[in-house]
Amino acid sequence: MFDMEGPMIELAADFHVHPDYSIDAKGSLDEYCEMALTKRLLELCFTTHYDADPKYAADDAFMVINGNKEKLSDETLTHYFENIRRVHEEYGMLGLMIRGGLEFGWYEGCEAEVTRIKNKFPVEFSIGGVHSVDGLCLCEESSKKLFKNMPLEKLADKYFAKLEKCAASGVFDCLAHIDVYRKYGLEFYGDDILTIHRGRIEKLFDTMIVHNVGYEVNTSAIRHGHPEYYPTMEIVNLAREKGVLLRSLGSDAHCPEQLGLDFEVASSIIYDLFPYVDE
């Protein structure tokens, strides 16, 4: 059934995966698991979006259950984690380790809700993501409205200030796609955006070390036409010099075909930096 003659990915764990519980994703847990077996991955951690910011609840605070968009609630989370338990048991028999996690959209004051969720549900991996500045999502083309009215230096100041607060909350294992502002910002601001972290990210790294928060190498930048992952190798090297923990490798897949994107290359690049996640 599966191509067992295909290449083995050296670091075969994808820890940033969005199944169709996320409102912007496609593919069931089973479809992802089947794809993981086809690609000879050994481990997946599903990290469905959990965006509970009350300011944007009308737009983002949903999960998809059996094809229906439903408000975030303990009931939707129960469905999600019970389904993860099912595939953990079923695909574990085939040698695939399945874990359940969440990518939390960070907002001011989210700590109590994140802590409550982690205490109530079997969240094995928690990602903290800063996705917006001034209410406009950096991960969508609407970010161009933001760029038109904001100098790059101001954007960076605002973004890194939010990342520092996210790290200082101490409730996340990992920060998502640290330099995601490149996604649409490179086209708008040009190459200056590639060095805008200098003089800003050092303080963030200090905060991450104090609160034992790691970062991920996220290969999804390749899908968006960028030659480097999130973050760039310059940032990876700065993190290594500072002693910031590389916590995970993730494809940020939003459909099964994107699973393990470019992992053959990514794993070889970061191999010496990468402690196994199951500490």
C-alpha atoms as a PDB file:
ATOM      1  CA  MET A   1       0.000   0.000   0.000  1.00  0.00           C
ATOM      2  CA  PHE A   2       2.838   2.394   0.874  1.00  0.00           C
ATOM      3  CA  ASP A   3       6.078   3.086  -0.949  1.00  0.00           C
ATOM      4  CA  MET A   4       8.541   1.540   1.464  1.00  0.00           C
ATOM      5  CA  GLU A   5      11.380   2.081  -1.017  1.00  0.00           C
ATOM      6  CA  GLY A   6      11.097   5.856  -0.829  1.00  0.00           C
ATOM      7  CA  PRO A   7      13.629   8.061   0.988  1.00  0.00           C
ATOM      8  CA  MET A   8      13.506   8.138   4.783  1.00  0.00           C
ATOM      9  CA  ILE A   9      13.340  11.672   6.159  1.00  0.00           C
ATOM     10  CA  GLU A  10      16.137  11.882   8.731  1.00  0.00           C
ATOM     11  CA  LEU A  11      14.147  13.925  11.232  1.00  0.00           C
ATOM     12  CA  ALA A  12      10.758  12.410  10.630  1.00  0.00           C
ATOM     13  CA  ALA A  13       8.561  14.427  12.982  1.00  0.00           C
ATOM     14  CA  ASP A  14       6.243  17.171  11.709  1.00  0.00           C
ATOM     15  CA  PHE A  15       5.134  19.279  14.662  1.00  0.00           C
ATOM     16  CA  HIS A  16       3.062  21.952  12.923  1.00  0.00           C
ATOM     17  CA  VAL A  17       0.083  20.401  11.158  1.00  0.00           C
ATOM     18  CA  HIS A  18      -3.404  21.827  10.539  1.00  0.00           C
ATOM     19  CA  PRO A  19      -6.146  19.293   9.815  1.00  0.00           C
ATOM     20  CA  ASP A  20      -9.621  20.339   8.755  1.00  0.00           C
ATOM     21  CA  TYR A  21     -10.558  21.295  12.298  1.00  0.00           C
ATOM     22  CA  SER A  22      -8.827  24.594  11.450  1.00  0.00           C
ATOM     23  CA  ILE A  23     -11.152  26.846   9.461  1.00  0.00           C
ATOM     24  CA  ASP A  24      -8.475  27.517   6.831  1.00  0.00           C
ATOM     25  CA  ALA A  25      -7.359  23.896   6.348  1.00  0.00           C
ATOM     26  CA  LYS A  26      -8.391  20.790   4.418  1.00  0.00           C
ATOM     27  CA  GLY A  27      -7.901  17.105   5.104  1.00  0.00           C
ATOM     28  CA  SER A  28      -9.090  14.841   7.897  1.00  0.00           C
ATOM     29  CA  LEU A  29      -6.856  13.378  10.579  1.00  0.00           C
ATOM     30  CA  ASP A  30      -6.987  10.048   8.752  1.00  0.00           C
ATOM     31  CA  GLU A  31      -5.996  11.631   5.440  1.00  0.00           C
ATOM     32  CA  TYR A  32      -2.987  13.249   7.099  1.00  0.00           C
ATOM     33  CA  CYS A  33      -2.012   9.976   8.742  1.00  0.00           C
ATOM     34  CA  GLU A  34      -2.248   8.133   5.436  1.00  0.00           C
ATOM     35  CA  MET A  35      -0.066  10.792   3.813  1.00  0.00           C
ATOM     36  CA  ALA A  36       2.438  10.571   6.672  1.00  0.00           C
ATOM     37  CA  LEU A  37       2.771   6.844   6.083  1.00  0.00           C
ATOM     38  CA  THR A  38       3.190   7.401   2.351  1.00  0.00           C
ATOM     39  CA  LYS A  39       5.937   9.956   3.026  1.00  0.00           C
ATOM     40  CA  ARG A  40       7.459   7.662   5.656  1.00  0.00           C
ATOM     41  CA  LEU A  41       7.173  10.172   8.453  1.00  0.00           C
ATOM     42  CA  LEU A  42       7.350   8.597  11.876  1.00  0.00           C
ATOM     43  CA  GLU A  43       5.561  11.225  13.959  1.00  0.00           C
ATOM     44  CA  LEU A  44       2.905  13.931  13.611  1.00  0.00           C
ATOM     45  CA  CYS A  45       1.672  16.528  16.041  1.00  0.00           C
ATOM     46  CA  PHE A  46      -1.633  18.073  15.012  1.00  0.00           C
ATOM     47  CA  THR A  47      -1.755  21.756  15.939  1.00  0.00           C
ATOM     48  CA  THR A  48      -5.220  23.029  15.093  1.00  0.00           C
ATOM     49  CA  HIS A  49      -5.718  26.786  15.336  1.00  0.00           C
ATOM     50  CA  TYR A  50      -7.208  28.057  18.571  1.00  0.00           C
ATOM     51  CA  ASP A  51      -7.901  31.770  18.059  1.00  0.00           C
ATOM     52  CA  ALA A  52      -9.938  33.018  20.990  1.00  0.00           C
ATOM     53  CA  ASP A  53      -9.118  36.730  20.975  1.00  0.00           C
ATOM     54  CA  PRO A  54     -12.432  38.339  21.998  1.00  0.00           C
ATOM     55  CA  LYS A  55     -11.736  41.319  19.715  1.00  0.00           C
ATOM     56  CA  TYR A  56     -11.960  39.090  16.643  1.00  0.00           C
ATOM     57  CA  ALA A  57     -14.202  36.296  17.892  1.00  0.00           C
ATOM     58  CA  ALA A  58     -16.769  36.889  15.165  1.00  0.00           C
ATOM     59  CA  ASP A  59     -14.165  36.055  12.513  1.00  0.00           C
ATOM     60  CA  ASP A  60     -11.695  33.604  14.021  1.00  0.00           C
ATOM     61  CA  ALA A  61     -13.078  31.833  17.104  1.00  0.00           C
ATOM     62  CA  PHE A  62     -14.234  28.675  15.321  1.00  0.00           C
ATOM     63  CA  MET A  63     -13.368  25.078  14.681  1.00  0.00           C
ATOM     64  CA  VAL A  64     -14.826  22.833  12.015  1.00  0.00           C
ATOM     65  CA  ILE A  65     -16.638  19.748  13.309  1.00  0.00           C
ATOM     66  CA  ASN A  66     -17.936  17.217  10.766  1.00  0.00           C
ATOM     67  CA  GLY A  67     -17.875  19.896   8.085  1.00  0.00           C
ATOM     68  CA  ASN A  68     -19.727  22.460  10.191  1.00  0.00           C
ATOM     69  CA  LYS A  69     -18.154  25.674  11.437  1.00  0.00           C
ATOM     70  CA  GLU A  70     -18.750  25.834  15.189  1.00  0.00           C
ATOM     71  CA  LYS A  71     -17.790  28.284  17.900  1.00  0.00           C
ATOM     72  CA  LEU A  72     -14.745  27.383  19.937  1.00  0.00           C
ATOM     73  CA  SER A  73     -15.836  25.570  23.076  1.00  0.00           C
ATOM     74  CA  ASP A  74     -14.873  22.743  25.354  1.00  0.00           C
ATOM     75  CA  GLU A  75     -17.197  20.560  23.284  1.00  0.00           C
ATOM     76  CA  THR A  76     -15.300  21.250  20.056  1.00  0.00           C
ATOM     77  CA  LEU A  77     -11.999  20.596  21.803  1.00  0.00           C
ATOM     78  CA  THR A  78     -13.359  17.355  23.255  1.00  0.00           C
ATOM     79  CA  HIS A  79     -14.284  16.184  19.751  1.00  0.00           C
ATOM     80  CA  TYR A  80     -10.825  17.121  18.469  1.00  0.00           C
ATOM     81  CA  PHE A  81      -8.832  15.384  21.185  1.00  0.00           C
ATOM     82  CA  GLU A  82     -11.016  12.279  21.176  1.00  0.00           C
ATOM     83  CA  ASN A  83     -10.441  11.963  17.436  1.00  0.00           C
ATOM     84  CA  ILE A  84      -6.710  12.388  17.968  1.00  0.00           C
ATOM     85  CA  ARG A  85      -6.803   9.609  20.569  1.00  0.00           C
ATOM     86  CA  ARG A  86      -8.525   7.388  18.018  1.00  0.00           C
ATOM     87  CA  VAL A  87      -5.927   7.914  15.280  1.00  0.00           C
ATOM     88  CA  HIS A  88      -3.147   7.612  17.858  1.00  0.00           C
ATOM     89  CA  GLU A  89      -4.381   4.122  18.643  1.00  0.00           C
ATOM     90  CA  GLU A  90      -5.167   3.073  15.068  1.00  0.00           C
ATOM     91  CA  TYR A  91      -2.065   4.398  13.317  1.00  0.00           C
ATOM     92  CA  GLY A  92       0.221   3.619  16.217  1.00  0.00           C
ATOM     93  CA  MET A  93      -0.233  -0.014  15.235  1.00  0.00           C
ATOM     94  CA  LEU A  94       1.329   0.920  11.877  1.00  0.00           C
ATOM     95  CA  GLY A  95       4.301   2.619  13.514  1.00  0.00           C
ATOM     96  CA  LEU A  96       3.105   6.225  13.297  1.00  0.00           C
ATOM     97  CA  MET A  97       3.224   8.283  16.495  1.00  0.00           C
ATOM     98  CA  ILE A  98       0.374  10.813  16.730  1.00  0.00           C
ATOM     99  CA  ARG A  99       0.300  13.681  19.203  1.00  0.00           C
ATOM    100  CA  GLY A 100      -2.301  16.332  19.900  1.00  0.00           C
ATOM    101  CA  GLY A 101      -1.437  19.997  20.149  1.00  0.00           C
ATOM    102  CA  LEU A 102      -2.794  23.456  19.424  1.00  0.00           C
ATOM    103  CA  GLU A 103      -1.512  26.610  17.790  1.00  0.00           C
ATOM    104  CA  PHE A 104      -2.842  29.387  19.976  1.00  0.00           C
ATOM    105  CA  GLY A 105      -3.252  32.830  18.498  1.00  0.00           C
ATOM    106  CA  TRP A 106      -1.627  35.082  21.085  1.00  0.00           C
ATOM    107  CA  TYR A 107      -3.463  38.131  22.424  1.00  0.00           C
ATOM    108  CA  GLU A 108      -3.163  40.324  25.506  1.00  0.00           C
ATOM    109  CA  GLY A 109      -4.470  38.433  28.517  1.00  0.00           C
ATOM    110  CA  CYS A 110      -4.663  35.013  26.866  1.00  0.00           C
ATOM    111  CA  GLU A 111      -2.648  33.286  29.572  1.00  0.00           C
ATOM    112  CA  ALA A 112      -5.615  32.284  31.738  1.00  0.00           C
ATOM    113  CA  GLU A 113      -7.495  30.702  28.818  1.00  0.00           C
ATOM    114  CA  VAL A 114      -4.425  28.905  27.461  1.00  0.00           C
ATOM    115  CA  THR A 115      -3.590  27.568  30.912  1.00  0.00           C
ATOM    116  CA  ARG A 116      -7.168  26.406  31.445  1.00  0.00           C
ATOM    117  CA  ILE A 117      -7.180  24.561  28.111  1.00  0.00           C
ATOM    118  CA  LYS A 118      -3.826  22.919  28.815  1.00  0.00           C
ATOM    119  CA  ASN A 119      -4.994  21.801  32.256  1.00  0.00           C
ATOM    120  CA  LYS A 120      -8.267  20.354  30.983  1.00  0.00           C
ATOM    121  CA  PHE A 121      -7.198  18.714  27.719  1.00  0.00           C
ATOM    122  CA  PRO A 122      -4.235  16.506  26.729  1.00  0.00           C
ATOM    123  CA  VAL A 123      -2.316  19.244  24.919  1.00  0.00           C
ATOM    124  CA  GLU A 124       1.074  17.681  24.218  1.00  0.00           C
ATOM    125  CA  PHE A 125       2.526  20.645  22.339  1.00  0.00           C
ATOM    126  CA  SER A 126       1.477  24.285  22.477  1.00  0.00           C
ATOM    127  CA  ILE A 127       2.546  26.793  19.838  1.00  0.00           C
ATOM    128  CA  GLY A 128       2.126  30.520  20.394  1.00  0.00           C
ATOM    129  CA  GLY A 129       1.574  32.509  17.231  1.00  0.00           C
ATOM    130  CA  VAL A 130       1.577  36.274  16.731  1.00  0.00           C
ATOM    131  CA  HIS A 131      -0.410  36.605  13.542  1.00  0.00           C
ATOM    132  CA  SER A 132      -1.437  40.250  13.411  1.00  0.00           C
ATOM    133  CA  VAL A 133      -0.385  43.848  13.965  1.00  0.00           C
ATOM    134  CA  ASP A 134      -3.029  46.498  14.528  1.00  0.00           C
ATOM    135  CA  GLY A 135      -5.742  43.966  13.784  1.00  0.00           C
ATOM    136  CA  LEU A 136      -4.491  42.996  10.325  1.00  0.00           C
ATOM    137  CA  CYS A 137      -3.241  39.463   9.782  1.00  0.00           C
ATOM    138  CA  LEU A 138       0.362  39.184   8.609  1.00  0.00           C
ATOM    139  CA  CYS A 139      -0.423  35.777   7.119  1.00  0.00           C
ATOM    140  CA  GLU A 140      -2.991  37.083   4.645  1.00  0.00           C
ATOM    141  CA  GLU A 141      -2.911  39.491   1.734  1.00  0.00           C
ATOM    142  CA  SER A 142      -4.834  41.996   3.858  1.00  0.00           C
ATOM    143  CA  SER A 143      -1.463  42.704   5.482  1.00  0.00           C
ATOM    144  CA  LYS A 144      -0.674  44.889   2.482  1.00  0.00           C
ATOM    145  CA  LYS A 145      -3.163  47.425   3.854  1.00  0.00           C
ATOM    146  CA  LEU A 146      -1.040  47.552   6.979  1.00  0.00           C
ATOM    147  CA  PHE A 147       2.222  47.926   5.083  1.00  0.00           C
ATOM    148  CA  LYS A 148       0.927  50.894   3.084  1.00  0.00           C
ATOM    149  CA  ASN A 149       0.421  52.904   6.254  1.00  0.00           C
ATOM    150  CA  MET A 150       3.323  51.741   8.389  1.00  0.00           C
ATOM    151  CA  PRO A 151       7.081  52.187   7.997  1.00  0.00           C
ATOM    152  CA  LEU A 152       9.014  48.946   8.294  1.00  0.00           C
ATOM    153  CA  GLU A 153      10.756  50.020  11.507  1.00  0.00           C
ATOM    154  CA  LYS A 154       7.435  50.697  13.206  1.00  0.00           C
ATOM    155  CA  LEU A 155       6.013  47.383  12.017  1.00  0.00           C
ATOM    156  CA  ALA A 156       9.032  45.541  13.411  1.00  0.00           C
ATOM    157  CA  ASP A 157       8.836  47.381  16.743  1.00  0.00           C
ATOM    158  CA  LYS A 158       5.171  46.451  17.139  1.00  0.00           C
ATOM    159  CA  TYR A 159       5.617  42.862  16.009  1.00  0.00           C
ATOM    160  CA  PHE A 160       8.617  42.043  18.180  1.00  0.00           C
ATOM    161  CA  ALA A 161       7.001  43.719  21.192  1.00  0.00           C
ATOM    162  CA  LYS A 162       4.075  41.323  20.792  1.00  0.00           C
ATOM    163  CA  LEU A 163       6.402  38.343  20.361  1.00  0.00           C
ATOM    164  CA  GLU A 164       8.212  39.279  23.581  1.00  0.00           C
ATOM    165  CA  LYS A 165       4.923  39.347  25.475  1.00  0.00           C
ATOM    166  CA  CYS A 166       3.949  36.037  23.919  1.00  0.00           C
ATOM    167  CA  ALA A 167       7.211  34.466  25.085  1.00  0.00           C
ATOM    168  CA  ALA A 168       7.028  36.118  28.513  1.00  0.00           C
ATOM    169  CA  SER A 169       3.609  34.595  29.133  1.00  0.00           C
ATOM    170  CA  GLY A 170       5.396  31.309  29.792  1.00  0.00           C
ATOM    171  CA  VAL A 171       2.428  29.222  28.614  1.00  0.00           C
ATOM    172  CA  PHE A 172       3.792  28.086  25.230  1.00  0.00           C
ATOM    173  CA  ASP A 173       6.339  25.456  24.314  1.00  0.00           C
ATOM    174  CA  CYS A 174       7.273  27.157  21.085  1.00  0.00           C
ATOM    175  CA  LEU A 175       6.874  30.380  19.105  1.00  0.00           C
ATOM    176  CA  ALA A 176       5.537  29.972  15.582  1.00  0.00           C
ATOM    177  CA  HIS A 177       7.199  31.275  12.384  1.00  0.00           C
ATOM    178  CA  ILE A 178       9.196  34.035  14.077  1.00  0.00           C
ATOM    179  CA  ASP A 179       9.735  36.157  10.956  1.00  0.00           C
ATOM    180  CA  VAL A 180       6.386  35.520   9.252  1.00  0.00           C
ATOM    181  CA  TYR A 181       6.221  39.227   8.368  1.00  0.00           C
ATOM    182  CA  ARG A 182       8.399  38.247   5.392  1.00  0.00           C
ATOM    183  CA  LYS A 183       5.510  36.350   3.811  1.00  0.00           C
ATOM    184  CA  TYR A 184       3.983  39.399   2.148  1.00  0.00           C
ATOM    185  CA  GLY A 185       6.337  42.054   3.514  1.00  0.00           C
ATOM    186  CA  LEU A 186       9.329  41.149   1.350  1.00  0.00           C
ATOM    187  CA  GLU A 187       7.499  42.117  -1.821  1.00  0.00           C
ATOM    188  CA  PHE A 188       6.368  45.397  -0.272  1.00  0.00           C
ATOM    189  CA  TYR A 189       9.419  46.533   1.734  1.00  0.00           C
ATOM    190  CA  GLY A 190      12.178  44.859  -0.247  1.00  0.00           C
ATOM    191  CA  ASP A 191      15.359  43.338   1.153  1.00  0.00           C
ATOM    192  CA  ASP A 192      15.409  45.675   4.172  1.00  0.00           C
ATOM    193  CA  ILE A 193      12.894  43.322   5.773  1.00  0.00           C
ATOM    194  CA  LEU A 194      15.512  40.557   5.834  1.00  0.00           C
ATOM    195  CA  THR A 195      17.601  42.420   8.425  1.00  0.00           C
ATOM    196  CA  ILE A 196      14.905  44.305  10.350  1.00  0.00           C
ATOM    197  CA  HIS A 197      15.199  41.804  13.228  1.00  0.00           C
ATOM    198  CA  ARG A 198      18.688  43.063  14.066  1.00  0.00           C
ATOM    199  CA  GLY A 199      18.724  44.934  17.350  1.00  0.00           C
ATOM    200  CA  ARG A 200      15.221  43.681  18.146  1.00  0.00           C
ATOM    201  CA  ILE A 201      15.338  39.904  18.190  1.00  0.00           C
ATOM    202  CA  GLU A 202      18.129  39.764  20.787  1.00  0.00           C
ATOM    203  CA  LYS A 203      15.749  40.968  23.510  1.00  0.00           C
ATOM    204  CA  LEU A 204      13.175  38.432  22.375  1.00  0.00           C
ATOM    205  CA  PHE A 205      15.739  35.649  22.657  1.00  0.00           C
ATOM    206  CA  ASP A 206      16.620  36.734  26.197  1.00  0.00           C
ATOM    207  CA  THR A 207      12.947  36.498  27.122  1.00  0.00           C
ATOM    208  CA  MET A 208      12.591  33.091  25.487  1.00  0.00           C
ATOM    209  CA  ILE A 209      15.542  31.736  27.451  1.00  0.00           C
ATOM    210  CA  VAL A 210      14.182  33.008  30.767  1.00  0.00           C
ATOM    211  CA  HIS A 211      10.782  31.407  30.143  1.00  0.00           C
ATOM    212  CA  ASN A 212      12.079  28.221  28.473  1.00  0.00           C
ATOM    213  CA  VAL A 213      10.254  28.903  25.217  1.00  0.00           C
ATOM    214  CA  GLY A 214      11.690  27.442  22.034  1.00  0.00           C
ATOM    215  CA  TYR A 215      11.250  28.259  18.376  1.00  0.00           C
ATOM    216  CA  GLU A 216      10.430  26.207  15.314  1.00  0.00           C
ATOM    217  CA  VAL A 217      11.903  25.899  11.879  1.00  0.00           C
ATOM    218  CA  ASN A 218       8.834  26.233   9.675  1.00  0.00           C
ATOM    219  CA  THR A 219       9.268  25.173   6.065  1.00  0.00           C
ATOM    220  CA  SER A 220       6.036  26.761   4.786  1.00  0.00           C
ATOM    221  CA  ALA A 221       7.949  29.810   3.555  1.00  0.00           C
ATOM    222  CA  ILE A 222       9.036  27.640   0.617  1.00  0.00           C
ATOM    223  CA  ARG A 223       5.389  27.309  -0.419  1.00  0.00           C
ATOM    224  CA  HIS A 224       5.117  31.082  -0.488  1.00  0.00           C
ATOM    225  CA  GLY A 225       8.047  31.532  -2.852  1.00  0.00           C
ATOM    226  CA  HIS A 226      10.749  32.363  -0.311  1.00  0.00           C
ATOM    227  CA  PRO A 227      14.216  30.814  -0.608  1.00  0.00           C
ATOM    228  CA  GLU A 228      14.579  30.384   3.175  1.00  0.00           C
ATOM    229  CA  TYR A 229      12.348  28.913   5.862  1.00  0.00           C
ATOM    230  CA  TYR A 230      10.855  30.765   8.823  1.00  0.00           C
ATOM    231  CA  PRO A 231      13.124  31.918  10.351  1.00  0.00           C
ATOM    232  CA  THR A 232      16.064  32.665   8.086  1.00  0.00           C
ATOM    233  CA  MET A 233      19.394  30.996   8.764  1.00  0.00           C
ATOM    234  CA  GLU A 234      20.737  34.286  10.067  1.00  0.00           C
ATOM    235  CA  ILE A 235      18.099  34.188  12.798  1.00  0.00           C
ATOM    236  CA  VAL A 236      18.720  30.478  13.417  1.00  0.00           C
ATOM    237  CA  ASN A 237      22.423  31.210  13.899  1.00  0.00           C
ATOM    238  CA  LEU A 238      21.666  34.121  16.223  1.00  0.00           C
ATOM    239  CA  ALA A 239      19.430  31.825  18.258  1.00  0.00           C
ATOM    240  CA  ARG A 240      22.195  29.227  18.449  1.00  0.00           C
ATOM    241  CA  GLU A 241      24.696  31.824  19.653  1.00  0.00           C
ATOM    242  CA  LYS A 242      22.239  32.947  22.323  1.00  0.00           C
ATOM    243  CA  GLY A 243      21.390  29.410  23.405  1.00  0.00           C
ATOM    244  CA  VAL A 244      17.710  29.536  22.409  1.00  0.00           C
ATOM    245  CA  LEU A 245      16.223  26.068  22.079  1.00  0.00           C
ATOM    246  CA  LEU A 246      15.150  24.838  18.654  1.00  0.00           C
ATOM    247  CA  ARG A 247      12.010  23.002  19.720  1.00  0.00           C
ATOM    248  CA  SER A 248      10.507  21.610  16.529  1.00  0.00           C
ATOM    249  CA  LEU A 249      10.437  21.254  12.779  1.00  0.00           C
ATOM    250  CA  GLY A 250       7.100  21.852  11.095  1.00  0.00           C
ATOM    251  CA  SER A 251       5.593  22.174   7.657  1.00  0.00           C
ATOM    252  CA  ASP A 252       2.616  24.293   8.792  1.00  0.00           C
ATOM    253  CA  ALA A 253       0.629  22.046   6.461  1.00  0.00           C
ATOM    254  CA  HIS A 254      -2.933  23.127   5.715  1.00  0.00           C
ATOM    255  CA  CYS A 255      -3.629  20.140   3.466  1.00  0.00           C
ATOM    256  CA  PRO A 256      -2.125  16.633   3.481  1.00  0.00           C
ATOM    257  CA  GLU A 257      -0.018  17.210   0.365  1.00  0.00           C
ATOM    258  CA  GLN A 258       1.979  19.872   2.231  1.00  0.00           C
ATOM    259  CA  LEU A 259       3.017  17.511   5.018  1.00  0.00           C
ATOM    260  CA  GLY A 260       6.761  17.238   5.595  1.00  0.00           C
ATOM    261  CA  LEU A 261       7.490  19.940   3.025  1.00  0.00           C
ATOM    262  CA  ASP A 262      11.200  20.042   2.161  1.00  0.00           C
ATOM    263  CA  PHE A 263      12.078  18.044   5.273  1.00  0.00           C
ATOM    264  CA  GLU A 264      14.863  16.147   3.515  1.00  0.00           C
ATOM    265  CA  VAL A 265      16.747  19.440   3.141  1.00  0.00           C
ATOM    266  CA  ALA A 266      15.548  21.097   6.354  1.00  0.00           C
ATOM    267  CA  SER A 267      16.515  18.187   8.554  1.00  0.00           C
ATOM    268  CA  SER A 268      20.035  18.066   7.148  1.00  0.00           C
ATOM    269  CA  ILE A 269      20.474  21.809   7.739  1.00  0.00           C
ATOM    270  CA  ILE A 270      19.328  21.834  11.354  1.00  0.00           C
ATOM    271  CA  TYR A 271      20.370  18.343  12.428  1.00  0.00           C
ATOM    272  CA  ASP A 272      23.096  19.439  14.849  1.00  0.00           C
ATOM    273  CA  LEU A 273      20.772  21.981  16.477  1.00  0.00           C
ATOM    274  CA  PHE A 274      17.849  19.670  17.005  1.00  0.00           C
ATOM    275  CA  PRO A 275      17.298  17.843  20.322  1.00  0.00           C
ATOM    276  CA  TYR A 276      14.552  15.251  20.112  1.00  0.00           C
ATOM    277  CA  VAL A 277      11.234  16.814  21.148  1.00  0.00           C
ATOM    278  CA  ASP A 278      10.122  14.021  23.503  1.00  0.00           C
ATOM    279  CA  GLU A 279      12.329  15.107  26.384  1.00  0.00           C
END
